[in-house]
């Protein structure tokens, strides 16, 4: 896979719902591996309470590839940045390789959408655990990162979910 090729799902390209749902139904996770981790803490982080920090968690897709027969690979990165005022006091970046098998295969667009939605949810608990472990080892008392969910993005989509499940 190419190194540092950042891939974001093409927002203008829509994957047909039937195709995406077929991929979801026919996909099984094979492995999830930590590839890289970078943890950095500034000395002033040890002096001030982590409750005062502004925290942001970002996710990006580095690469997605579809290999025959039915292999779907994604390299994704989560990043936590903690700031006190405007200064970065703590950061943690972790890259993961997530590997799925897709019975019947899939195209790259459906694979990117799958990694963006499902791969994100699969990897995030490992990132939360990494952050909790590293901050604890550094002597920082910090509450766990929040959970993430794939809640509907609008009231209309929530209503359609309810009517589909009825």
N, C-alpha and C. Protein backbone atom coordinates (compact mmCIF):
# COMPACT_ATOMS: atom_id res chain seq x y z
N UNK A 1 0.84 -1.18 0.00
CA UNK A 1 0.00 0.00 0.00
C UNK A 1 0.88 1.24 0.00
N UNK A 2 0.48 2.30 -0.70
CA UNK A 2 1.27 3.51 -0.72
C UNK A 2 1.37 4.12 0.66
N UNK A 3 2.50 4.72 0.94
CA UNK A 3 2.71 5.31 2.25
C UNK A 3 2.19 6.74 2.27
N UNK A 4 1.50 7.10 3.35
CA UNK A 4 1.00 8.45 3.58
C UNK A 4 0.10 8.99 2.48
N UNK A 5 -0.61 8.13 1.80
CA UNK A 5 -1.59 8.56 0.82
C UNK A 5 -2.90 8.75 1.56
N UNK A 6 -3.28 9.99 1.77
CA UNK A 6 -4.49 10.25 2.53
C UNK A 6 -5.71 10.12 1.63
N UNK A 7 -6.63 9.32 2.04
CA UNK A 7 -7.85 9.07 1.26
C UNK A 7 -9.04 9.40 2.13
N UNK A 8 -9.87 10.25 1.65
CA UNK A 8 -11.13 10.50 2.34
C UNK A 8 -12.24 10.05 1.40
N UNK A 9 -13.30 9.47 1.96
CA UNK A 9 -14.40 9.06 1.08
C UNK A 9 -14.83 10.24 0.22
N UNK A 10 -15.03 9.99 -1.04
CA UNK A 10 -15.40 11.05 -1.97
C UNK A 10 -16.81 11.51 -1.65
N UNK A 11 -16.92 12.72 -1.14
CA UNK A 11 -18.22 13.22 -0.69
C UNK A 11 -19.20 13.39 -1.85
N UNK A 12 -18.70 13.64 -3.06
CA UNK A 12 -19.59 13.79 -4.19
C UNK A 12 -20.03 12.45 -4.77
N UNK A 13 -19.30 11.39 -4.47
CA UNK A 13 -19.61 10.06 -5.01
C UNK A 13 -20.50 9.33 -4.02
N UNK A 14 -21.68 8.97 -4.48
CA UNK A 14 -22.59 8.24 -3.60
C UNK A 14 -22.52 6.75 -3.90
N UNK A 15 -22.48 5.97 -2.87
CA UNK A 15 -22.52 4.53 -3.02
C UNK A 15 -23.98 4.12 -2.86
N UNK A 16 -24.48 3.37 -3.81
CA UNK A 16 -25.89 2.95 -3.76
C UNK A 16 -26.13 2.18 -2.46
N UNK A 17 -27.23 2.47 -1.81
CA UNK A 17 -27.54 1.87 -0.51
C UNK A 17 -27.59 0.35 -0.57
N UNK A 18 -28.15 -0.21 -1.64
CA UNK A 18 -28.22 -1.67 -1.76
C UNK A 18 -26.83 -2.28 -1.84
N UNK A 19 -25.93 -1.64 -2.59
CA UNK A 19 -24.55 -2.14 -2.71
C UNK A 19 -23.85 -2.06 -1.36
N UNK A 20 -23.98 -0.92 -0.68
CA UNK A 20 -23.34 -0.76 0.62
C UNK A 20 -23.90 -1.78 1.63
N UNK A 21 -25.20 -1.96 1.67
CA UNK A 21 -25.81 -2.91 2.61
C UNK A 21 -25.37 -4.34 2.32
N UNK A 22 -25.18 -4.68 1.04
CA UNK A 22 -24.66 -6.01 0.70
C UNK A 22 -23.25 -6.18 1.25
N UNK A 23 -22.42 -5.14 1.10
CA UNK A 23 -21.05 -5.19 1.63
C UNK A 23 -21.09 -5.38 3.14
N UNK A 24 -21.95 -4.63 3.81
CA UNK A 24 -22.05 -4.74 5.28
C UNK A 24 -22.43 -6.17 5.68
N UNK A 25 -23.41 -6.75 5.01
CA UNK A 25 -23.88 -8.10 5.36
C UNK A 25 -22.84 -9.17 5.07
N UNK A 26 -21.98 -8.95 4.09
CA UNK A 26 -21.04 -9.99 3.66
C UNK A 26 -19.61 -9.76 4.13
N UNK A 27 -19.43 -8.90 5.11
CA UNK A 27 -18.09 -8.55 5.56
C UNK A 27 -17.83 -9.09 6.95
N UNK A 28 -16.63 -9.64 7.11
CA UNK A 28 -16.17 -10.13 8.42
C UNK A 28 -14.79 -9.54 8.68
N UNK A 29 -14.58 -9.13 9.93
CA UNK A 29 -13.26 -8.59 10.26
C UNK A 29 -12.25 -9.73 10.38
N UNK A 30 -11.08 -9.53 9.82
CA UNK A 30 -10.00 -10.53 9.88
C UNK A 30 -8.97 -10.14 10.93
N UNK A 31 -8.55 -8.88 10.91
CA UNK A 31 -7.55 -8.44 11.90
C UNK A 31 -7.59 -6.93 12.04
N UNK A 32 -7.08 -6.50 13.16
CA UNK A 32 -6.94 -5.08 13.45
C UNK A 32 -5.60 -4.94 14.14
N UNK A 33 -4.70 -4.13 13.57
CA UNK A 33 -3.34 -4.05 14.10
C UNK A 33 -2.89 -2.61 14.25
N UNK A 34 -2.20 -2.35 15.34
CA UNK A 34 -1.57 -1.05 15.55
C UNK A 34 -0.31 -1.00 14.69
N UNK A 35 -0.19 0.03 13.85
CA UNK A 35 0.98 0.18 12.99
C UNK A 35 1.98 1.19 13.55
N UNK A 36 1.46 2.31 14.05
CA UNK A 36 2.31 3.38 14.57
C UNK A 36 1.61 4.04 15.74
N UNK A 37 2.41 4.55 16.66
CA UNK A 37 1.85 5.33 17.76
C UNK A 37 2.86 6.40 18.15
N UNK A 38 2.35 7.60 18.33
CA UNK A 38 3.20 8.70 18.79
C UNK A 38 2.47 9.40 19.93
N UNK A 39 3.11 9.41 21.09
CA UNK A 39 2.54 10.04 22.28
C UNK A 39 3.50 11.12 22.72
N UNK A 40 2.98 12.33 22.90
CA UNK A 40 3.84 13.44 23.30
C UNK A 40 3.15 14.23 24.40
N UNK A 41 3.92 14.52 25.44
CA UNK A 41 3.38 15.30 26.56
C UNK A 41 4.38 16.39 26.90
N UNK A 42 3.88 17.57 27.16
CA UNK A 42 4.73 18.70 27.57
C UNK A 42 4.80 18.72 29.10
N UNK A 43 5.90 19.16 29.66
CA UNK A 43 6.05 19.18 31.13
C UNK A 43 4.94 19.95 31.84
N UNK A 44 4.46 21.03 31.22
CA UNK A 44 3.41 21.82 31.88
C UNK A 44 2.10 21.04 32.03
N UNK A 45 1.94 19.96 31.28
CA UNK A 45 0.75 19.13 31.41
C UNK A 45 0.71 18.45 32.77
N UNK A 46 1.86 18.26 33.38
CA UNK A 46 1.92 17.60 34.67
C UNK A 46 1.51 18.53 35.82
N UNK A 47 1.50 19.83 35.55
CA UNK A 47 1.22 20.81 36.59
C UNK A 47 -0.26 21.16 36.67
N UNK A 48 -0.93 21.17 35.54
CA UNK A 48 -2.32 21.63 35.48
C UNK A 48 -3.28 20.45 35.35
N UNK A 49 -4.50 20.68 35.77
CA UNK A 49 -5.54 19.65 35.71
C UNK A 49 -6.00 19.41 34.28
N UNK A 50 -6.17 18.15 33.93
CA UNK A 50 -6.64 17.81 32.58
C UNK A 50 -8.09 18.23 32.36
N UNK A 51 -8.80 18.54 33.44
CA UNK A 51 -10.19 19.00 33.30
C UNK A 51 -10.27 20.35 32.59
N UNK A 52 -9.18 21.12 32.64
CA UNK A 52 -9.15 22.43 32.00
C UNK A 52 -8.78 22.35 30.52
N UNK A 53 -8.37 21.20 30.04
CA UNK A 53 -7.90 21.07 28.66
C UNK A 53 -9.07 21.01 27.69
N UNK A 54 -8.85 21.54 26.53
CA UNK A 54 -9.78 21.35 25.41
C UNK A 54 -9.25 20.17 24.62
N UNK A 55 -10.11 19.19 24.42
CA UNK A 55 -9.70 17.95 23.75
C UNK A 55 -10.42 17.83 22.41
N UNK A 56 -9.68 17.40 21.41
CA UNK A 56 -10.31 17.10 20.12
C UNK A 56 -9.76 15.77 19.61
N UNK A 57 -10.66 14.97 19.06
CA UNK A 57 -10.29 13.69 18.48
C UNK A 57 -10.63 13.75 17.00
N UNK A 58 -9.63 13.45 16.17
CA UNK A 58 -9.82 13.46 14.72
C UNK A 58 -9.60 12.06 14.17
N UNK A 59 -10.27 11.78 13.08
CA UNK A 59 -10.14 10.50 12.38
C UNK A 59 -9.88 10.79 10.91
N UNK A 60 -8.96 10.04 10.33
CA UNK A 60 -8.79 10.14 8.89
C UNK A 60 -8.40 8.80 8.32
N UNK A 61 -8.79 8.62 7.07
CA UNK A 61 -8.44 7.42 6.33
C UNK A 61 -7.15 7.73 5.57
N UNK A 62 -6.14 6.91 5.79
CA UNK A 62 -4.88 7.08 5.08
C UNK A 62 -4.91 6.36 3.74
N UNK A 63 -5.42 5.13 3.74
CA UNK A 63 -5.45 4.35 2.51
C UNK A 63 -6.54 3.28 2.62
N UNK A 64 -7.14 2.98 1.48
CA UNK A 64 -8.09 1.87 1.37
C UNK A 64 -7.73 1.12 0.11
N UNK A 65 -7.64 -0.21 0.22
CA UNK A 65 -7.41 -1.01 -0.98
C UNK A 65 -8.29 -2.25 -0.94
N UNK A 66 -8.69 -2.65 -2.13
CA UNK A 66 -9.50 -3.85 -2.31
C UNK A 66 -8.64 -4.84 -3.07
N UNK A 67 -8.45 -6.02 -2.49
CA UNK A 67 -7.63 -7.06 -3.11
C UNK A 67 -8.49 -8.29 -3.35
N UNK A 68 -8.19 -9.00 -4.45
CA UNK A 68 -8.89 -10.26 -4.72
C UNK A 68 -8.30 -11.36 -3.88
N UNK A 69 -9.01 -12.33 -3.46
CA UNK A 69 -10.47 -12.47 -3.54
C UNK A 69 -11.12 -11.94 -2.27
N UNK A 70 -11.76 -10.83 -2.36
CA UNK A 70 -12.57 -10.31 -1.26
C UNK A 70 -11.84 -9.67 -0.10
N UNK A 71 -10.61 -9.23 -0.31
CA UNK A 71 -9.88 -8.57 0.78
C UNK A 71 -10.11 -7.07 0.77
N UNK A 72 -10.43 -6.50 1.90
CA UNK A 72 -10.60 -5.06 2.06
C UNK A 72 -9.67 -4.61 3.17
N UNK A 73 -8.76 -3.69 2.84
CA UNK A 73 -7.76 -3.21 3.80
C UNK A 73 -7.91 -1.71 3.96
N UNK A 74 -7.83 -1.25 5.18
CA UNK A 74 -7.85 0.18 5.44
C UNK A 74 -6.78 0.54 6.44
N UNK A 75 -6.08 1.64 6.16
CA UNK A 75 -5.16 2.21 7.15
C UNK A 75 -5.81 3.50 7.60
N UNK A 76 -6.05 3.59 8.90
CA UNK A 76 -6.74 4.75 9.46
C UNK A 76 -5.93 5.32 10.61
N UNK A 77 -6.19 6.58 10.91
CA UNK A 77 -5.47 7.24 12.00
C UNK A 77 -6.46 8.00 12.88
N UNK A 78 -6.29 7.83 14.17
CA UNK A 78 -6.97 8.66 15.16
C UNK A 78 -5.93 9.56 15.79
N UNK A 79 -6.32 10.78 16.10
CA UNK A 79 -5.42 11.72 16.77
C UNK A 79 -6.17 12.44 17.88
N UNK A 80 -5.56 12.50 19.03
CA UNK A 80 -6.07 13.26 20.17
C UNK A 80 -5.14 14.44 20.37
N UNK A 81 -5.69 15.64 20.44
CA UNK A 81 -4.93 16.84 20.74
C UNK A 81 -5.57 17.48 21.96
N UNK A 82 -4.76 17.71 22.98
CA UNK A 82 -5.22 18.40 24.19
C UNK A 82 -4.52 19.74 24.28
N UNK A 83 -5.31 20.79 24.47
CA UNK A 83 -4.75 22.14 24.56
C UNK A 83 -5.14 22.77 25.89
N UNK A 84 -4.21 23.52 26.40
CA UNK A 84 -4.51 24.39 27.54
C UNK A 84 -4.26 25.80 27.04
N UNK A 85 -5.31 26.60 27.06
CA UNK A 85 -5.29 27.88 26.36
C UNK A 85 -5.02 27.58 24.89
N UNK A 86 -3.92 28.07 24.34
CA UNK A 86 -3.61 27.78 22.93
C UNK A 86 -2.45 26.82 22.76
N UNK A 87 -1.90 26.35 23.85
CA UNK A 87 -0.72 25.49 23.80
C UNK A 87 -1.11 24.01 23.79
N UNK A 88 -0.47 23.28 22.90
CA UNK A 88 -0.64 21.82 22.91
C UNK A 88 0.11 21.28 24.12
N UNK A 89 -0.60 20.55 24.97
CA UNK A 89 0.06 19.97 26.15
C UNK A 89 0.17 18.45 26.05
N UNK A 90 -0.67 17.84 25.23
CA UNK A 90 -0.63 16.39 25.08
C UNK A 90 -1.18 16.03 23.70
N UNK A 91 -0.54 15.06 23.07
CA UNK A 91 -1.08 14.55 21.81
C UNK A 91 -0.78 13.06 21.71
N UNK A 92 -1.66 12.38 21.02
CA UNK A 92 -1.49 10.95 20.76
C UNK A 92 -2.05 10.68 19.37
N UNK A 93 -1.20 10.13 18.50
CA UNK A 93 -1.60 9.74 17.14
C UNK A 93 -1.33 8.26 16.98
N UNK A 94 -2.33 7.54 16.52
CA UNK A 94 -2.18 6.10 16.32
C UNK A 94 -2.73 5.72 14.95
N UNK A 95 -1.94 4.92 14.22
CA UNK A 95 -2.37 4.39 12.92
C UNK A 95 -2.63 2.91 13.08
N UNK A 96 -3.71 2.46 12.45
CA UNK A 96 -4.12 1.07 12.52
C UNK A 96 -4.37 0.53 11.12
N UNK A 97 -4.10 -0.76 10.97
CA UNK A 97 -4.47 -1.49 9.77
C UNK A 97 -5.67 -2.35 10.14
N UNK A 98 -6.75 -2.19 9.40
CA UNK A 98 -7.93 -3.01 9.62
C UNK A 98 -8.18 -3.80 8.34
N UNK A 99 -8.38 -5.11 8.51
CA UNK A 99 -8.51 -6.02 7.37
C UNK A 99 -9.84 -6.75 7.48
N UNK A 100 -10.60 -6.71 6.41
CA UNK A 100 -11.89 -7.39 6.33
C UNK A 100 -11.89 -8.33 5.14
N UNK A 101 -12.71 -9.36 5.20
CA UNK A 101 -13.01 -10.16 4.02
C UNK A 101 -14.45 -9.86 3.64
N UNK A 102 -14.66 -9.71 2.34
CA UNK A 102 -15.99 -9.40 1.81
C UNK A 102 -16.36 -10.52 0.85
N UNK A 103 -17.32 -11.35 1.24
CA UNK A 103 -17.80 -12.41 0.35
C UNK A 103 -18.37 -11.76 -0.90
N UNK A 104 -17.82 -12.11 -2.05
CA UNK A 104 -18.28 -11.52 -3.30
C UNK A 104 -17.54 -10.25 -3.66
N UNK A 105 -16.64 -9.77 -2.79
CA UNK A 105 -15.85 -8.58 -3.08
C UNK A 105 -16.66 -7.30 -3.03
N UNK A 106 -15.98 -6.20 -3.29
CA UNK A 106 -16.63 -4.89 -3.35
C UNK A 106 -15.75 -3.95 -4.16
N UNK A 107 -16.32 -2.82 -4.58
CA UNK A 107 -15.50 -1.83 -5.28
C UNK A 107 -14.87 -0.87 -4.27
N UNK A 108 -13.96 -0.06 -4.74
CA UNK A 108 -13.20 0.83 -3.85
C UNK A 108 -14.12 1.84 -3.15
N UNK A 109 -15.10 2.39 -3.87
CA UNK A 109 -15.98 3.40 -3.27
C UNK A 109 -16.77 2.80 -2.10
N UNK A 110 -17.32 1.61 -2.30
CA UNK A 110 -18.05 0.95 -1.20
C UNK A 110 -17.10 0.61 -0.06
N UNK A 111 -15.87 0.19 -0.40
CA UNK A 111 -14.86 -0.10 0.62
C UNK A 111 -14.50 1.12 1.44
N UNK A 112 -14.33 2.27 0.77
CA UNK A 112 -14.02 3.51 1.49
C UNK A 112 -15.15 3.90 2.43
N UNK A 113 -16.38 3.79 1.94
CA UNK A 113 -17.53 4.12 2.80
C UNK A 113 -17.60 3.17 3.99
N UNK A 114 -17.35 1.88 3.75
CA UNK A 114 -17.36 0.89 4.83
C UNK A 114 -16.28 1.20 5.86
N UNK A 115 -15.07 1.48 5.43
CA UNK A 115 -13.97 1.80 6.35
C UNK A 115 -14.29 3.07 7.12
N UNK A 116 -14.85 4.07 6.44
CA UNK A 116 -15.19 5.33 7.10
C UNK A 116 -16.23 5.12 8.20
N UNK A 117 -17.21 4.28 7.95
CA UNK A 117 -18.29 4.08 8.92
C UNK A 117 -17.98 2.96 9.90
N UNK A 118 -17.75 1.76 9.39
CA UNK A 118 -17.60 0.59 10.26
C UNK A 118 -16.18 0.48 10.81
N UNK A 119 -15.19 0.74 9.95
CA UNK A 119 -13.80 0.67 10.40
C UNK A 119 -13.52 1.65 11.53
N UNK A 120 -14.10 2.84 11.43
CA UNK A 120 -13.95 3.85 12.48
C UNK A 120 -14.46 3.32 13.82
N UNK A 121 -15.64 2.72 13.81
CA UNK A 121 -16.24 2.18 15.04
C UNK A 121 -15.42 1.00 15.57
N UNK A 122 -14.86 0.19 14.68
CA UNK A 122 -14.06 -0.98 15.11
C UNK A 122 -12.75 -0.55 15.76
N UNK A 123 -12.11 0.47 15.23
CA UNK A 123 -10.78 0.88 15.70
C UNK A 123 -10.83 1.75 16.95
N UNK A 124 -11.85 2.59 17.07
CA UNK A 124 -11.89 3.59 18.13
C UNK A 124 -11.72 3.03 19.55
N UNK A 125 -12.32 1.91 19.93
CA UNK A 125 -12.08 1.40 21.29
C UNK A 125 -10.60 1.08 21.56
N UNK A 126 -9.88 0.65 20.54
CA UNK A 126 -8.45 0.38 20.71
C UNK A 126 -7.69 1.69 20.93
N UNK A 127 -8.09 2.73 20.21
CA UNK A 127 -7.46 4.04 20.41
C UNK A 127 -7.76 4.57 21.81
N UNK A 128 -9.01 4.46 22.24
CA UNK A 128 -9.38 4.89 23.60
C UNK A 128 -8.52 4.19 24.64
N UNK A 129 -8.34 2.89 24.46
CA UNK A 129 -7.54 2.09 25.39
C UNK A 129 -6.07 2.54 25.38
N UNK A 130 -5.54 2.80 24.19
CA UNK A 130 -4.16 3.26 24.07
C UNK A 130 -3.98 4.58 24.81
N UNK A 131 -4.90 5.52 24.60
CA UNK A 131 -4.81 6.82 25.27
C UNK A 131 -4.90 6.65 26.78
N UNK A 132 -5.82 5.83 27.25
CA UNK A 132 -5.98 5.61 28.69
C UNK A 132 -4.71 5.02 29.30
N UNK A 133 -4.13 4.05 28.61
CA UNK A 133 -2.92 3.40 29.11
C UNK A 133 -1.74 4.38 29.15
N UNK A 134 -1.54 5.11 28.06
CA UNK A 134 -0.38 6.02 27.99
C UNK A 134 -0.51 7.20 28.94
N UNK A 135 -1.71 7.75 29.08
CA UNK A 135 -1.87 8.87 30.02
C UNK A 135 -1.68 8.38 31.45
N UNK A 136 -2.13 7.19 31.75
CA UNK A 136 -1.93 6.62 33.09
C UNK A 136 -0.44 6.42 33.37
N UNK A 137 0.28 5.86 32.39
CA UNK A 137 1.71 5.66 32.57
C UNK A 137 2.46 6.98 32.72
N UNK A 138 1.93 8.05 32.12
CA UNK A 138 2.55 9.36 32.23
C UNK A 138 2.17 10.08 33.52
N UNK A 139 1.29 9.48 34.31
CA UNK A 139 0.87 10.10 35.57
C UNK A 139 -0.20 11.15 35.41
N UNK A 140 -0.91 11.11 34.30
CA UNK A 140 -1.98 12.07 34.03
C UNK A 140 -3.31 11.42 34.39
N UNK A 141 -4.09 12.09 35.20
CA UNK A 141 -5.44 11.63 35.51
C UNK A 141 -6.37 12.31 34.53
N UNK A 142 -6.91 11.52 33.63
CA UNK A 142 -7.78 12.06 32.60
C UNK A 142 -8.96 11.13 32.43
N UNK A 143 -10.17 11.67 32.34
CA UNK A 143 -11.32 10.78 32.11
C UNK A 143 -11.18 10.09 30.76
N UNK A 144 -11.81 8.93 30.61
CA UNK A 144 -11.74 8.23 29.32
C UNK A 144 -12.30 9.10 28.20
N UNK A 145 -11.82 8.87 27.01
CA UNK A 145 -12.39 9.56 25.85
C UNK A 145 -13.84 9.13 25.71
N UNK A 146 -14.68 10.00 25.18
CA UNK A 146 -16.10 9.64 25.03
C UNK A 146 -16.28 8.53 24.00
N UNK A 147 -17.38 7.83 24.09
CA UNK A 147 -17.70 6.83 23.07
C UNK A 147 -18.21 7.57 21.85
N UNK A 148 -18.13 6.90 20.71
CA UNK A 148 -18.70 7.48 19.50
C UNK A 148 -19.83 6.59 19.02
N UNK A 149 -20.76 7.20 18.31
CA UNK A 149 -21.88 6.43 17.78
C UNK A 149 -22.15 6.91 16.37
N UNK A 150 -22.91 6.13 15.68
CA UNK A 150 -23.30 6.49 14.32
C UNK A 150 -24.77 6.90 14.34
N UNK A 151 -25.09 7.84 15.19
CA UNK A 151 -26.47 8.31 15.29
C UNK A 151 -26.86 8.96 13.96
N UNK A 152 -28.13 8.90 13.62
CA UNK A 152 -28.57 9.54 12.38
C UNK A 152 -28.16 11.01 12.36
N UNK A 153 -27.84 11.51 11.18
CA UNK A 153 -27.35 12.88 11.05
C UNK A 153 -28.46 13.90 10.98
N UNK A 154 -29.71 13.47 10.83
CA UNK A 154 -30.82 14.41 10.76
C UNK A 154 -32.08 13.75 11.29
N UNK A 155 -33.08 14.57 11.57
CA UNK A 155 -34.35 14.03 12.03
C UNK A 155 -35.01 13.20 10.93
N UNK A 156 -34.84 13.61 9.66
CA UNK A 156 -35.42 12.85 8.55
C UNK A 156 -34.83 11.45 8.48
N UNK A 157 -33.50 11.33 8.62
CA UNK A 157 -32.90 10.00 8.53
C UNK A 157 -33.26 9.16 9.75
N UNK A 158 -33.45 9.78 10.90
CA UNK A 158 -33.88 9.03 12.09
C UNK A 158 -35.29 8.49 11.88
N UNK A 159 -36.15 9.31 11.29
CA UNK A 159 -37.52 8.87 11.03
C UNK A 159 -37.55 7.72 10.05
N UNK A 160 -36.69 7.78 9.02
CA UNK A 160 -36.68 6.69 8.04
C UNK A 160 -36.14 5.41 8.66
N UNK A 161 -35.21 5.51 9.60
CA UNK A 161 -34.73 4.32 10.29
C UNK A 161 -35.85 3.67 11.09
N UNK A 162 -36.63 4.49 11.77
CA UNK A 162 -37.74 3.96 12.55
C UNK A 162 -38.76 3.27 11.67
N UNK A 163 -39.09 3.88 10.54
CA UNK A 163 -40.12 3.29 9.67
C UNK A 163 -39.61 2.03 8.99
N UNK A 164 -38.30 1.93 8.69
CA UNK A 164 -37.73 0.73 8.08
C UNK A 164 -37.72 -0.45 9.06
N UNK A 165 -37.51 -0.16 10.34
CA UNK A 165 -37.42 -1.24 11.32
C UNK A 165 -38.78 -1.69 11.82
N UNK A 166 -39.83 -0.96 11.47
CA UNK A 166 -41.19 -1.34 11.90
C UNK A 166 -41.74 -2.47 11.07
